């Protein structure tokens, strides 16, 4: 009799835990889908589309470069929904 009672208690606890987990997962899914529908798509990548490279020669050896600087003027932003937007940099 004691074994059946302990099995019943364990089974009841497992059922309650399963129901609690199922409710939490379903409420979390509702929050993520409604949050995604309301918010703008997130940016997943950015690529330089227009840039200018400035070279500074070495004053002691003119055939060598001392440094180079790349300045980005426009960037293509790729969003999670597949859209692409070109934006100027400031």
Protein backbone atom coordinates (compact mmCIF):
# COMPACT_ATOMS: atom_id res chain seq x y z
CA UNK A 1 0.00 0.00 0.00
CA UNK A 2 2.85 2.35 0.86
CA UNK A 3 4.56 1.79 -2.51
CA UNK A 4 1.39 2.61 -4.43
CA UNK A 5 0.91 5.77 -2.40
CA UNK A 6 4.49 6.96 -3.05
CA UNK A 7 4.15 6.18 -6.77
CA UNK A 8 0.91 8.18 -6.85
CA UNK A 9 2.57 11.11 -5.07
CA UNK A 10 5.55 11.07 -7.46
CA UNK A 11 3.23 10.87 -10.45
CA UNK A 12 1.15 13.79 -9.14
CA UNK A 13 4.27 15.90 -8.59
CA UNK A 14 5.52 15.14 -12.12
CA UNK A 15 2.15 16.09 -13.62
CA UNK A 16 2.09 19.38 -11.69
CA UNK A 17 5.66 20.22 -12.70
CA UNK A 18 4.89 19.36 -16.34
CA UNK A 19 1.83 21.61 -16.36
CA UNK A 20 3.80 24.47 -14.78
CA UNK A 21 6.58 24.16 -17.37
CA UNK A 22 4.08 24.00 -20.23
CA UNK A 23 2.35 27.16 -19.02
CA UNK A 24 5.65 29.03 -18.69
CA UNK A 25 6.80 28.01 -22.17
CA UNK A 26 3.51 28.98 -23.78
CA UNK A 27 3.48 32.39 -22.08
CA UNK A 28 7.11 32.99 -23.11
CA UNK A 29 6.26 32.17 -26.74
CA UNK A 30 3.33 34.59 -26.68
CA UNK A 31 5.57 37.36 -25.38
CA UNK A 32 8.25 36.81 -28.02
CA UNK A 33 5.85 36.67 -30.96
CA UNK A 34 3.95 39.78 -29.88
CA UNK A 35 7.22 41.58 -29.16
CA UNK A 36 8.57 40.77 -32.62
CA UNK A 37 5.40 41.90 -34.36
CA UNK A 38 5.44 45.29 -32.65
CA UNK A 39 9.12 46.18 -32.84
CA UNK A 40 11.11 47.15 -35.89
CA UNK A 41 13.38 44.48 -37.38
CA UNK A 42 16.80 44.32 -35.76
CA UNK A 43 19.97 45.07 -37.67
CA UNK A 44 22.07 41.94 -38.19
CA UNK A 45 24.94 43.31 -40.31
CA UNK A 46 26.47 46.54 -41.60
CA UNK A 47 28.78 46.86 -44.60
CA UNK A 48 30.67 49.91 -45.84
CA UNK A 49 29.33 50.87 -49.28
CA UNK A 50 31.38 54.03 -49.87
CA UNK A 51 34.75 54.78 -48.35
CA UNK A 52 37.78 56.98 -48.96
CA UNK A 53 41.33 55.87 -48.19
CA UNK A 54 43.87 58.56 -47.32
CA UNK A 55 47.57 57.71 -47.51
CA UNK A 56 50.36 59.49 -45.64
CA UNK A 57 53.84 58.96 -47.12
CA UNK A 58 56.87 58.44 -44.92
CA UNK A 59 58.80 61.75 -44.85
CA UNK A 60 62.19 59.95 -44.78
CA UNK A 61 61.43 57.31 -47.43
CA UNK A 62 58.94 58.65 -50.01
CA UNK A 63 58.38 55.23 -51.61
CA UNK A 64 57.02 53.87 -48.30
CA UNK A 65 53.74 54.68 -46.60
CA UNK A 66 53.72 55.93 -43.06
CA UNK A 67 50.03 55.28 -42.49
CA UNK A 68 46.67 54.99 -44.18
CA UNK A 69 43.24 55.98 -42.94
CA UNK A 70 39.94 54.67 -44.25
CA UNK A 71 36.92 56.91 -43.78
CA UNK A 72 33.51 55.35 -44.37
CA UNK A 73 30.93 57.69 -45.90
CA UNK A 74 27.93 55.38 -46.37
CA UNK A 75 26.91 52.11 -44.73
CA UNK A 76 24.45 49.43 -45.89
CA UNK A 77 22.48 48.11 -42.91
CA UNK A 78 20.95 44.64 -43.32
CA UNK A 79 17.93 43.84 -41.13
CA UNK A 80 16.64 40.50 -39.85
CA UNK A 81 13.65 40.57 -42.22
CA UNK A 82 15.97 40.81 -45.26
CA UNK A 83 15.60 44.52 -46.01
CA UNK A 84 18.66 46.66 -46.76
CA UNK A 85 18.97 50.37 -46.06
CA UNK A 86 21.88 52.62 -47.10
CA UNK A 87 22.65 55.31 -44.53
CA UNK A 88 25.23 58.10 -44.54
CA UNK A 89 27.69 58.26 -41.65
CA UNK A 90 28.04 61.43 -39.65
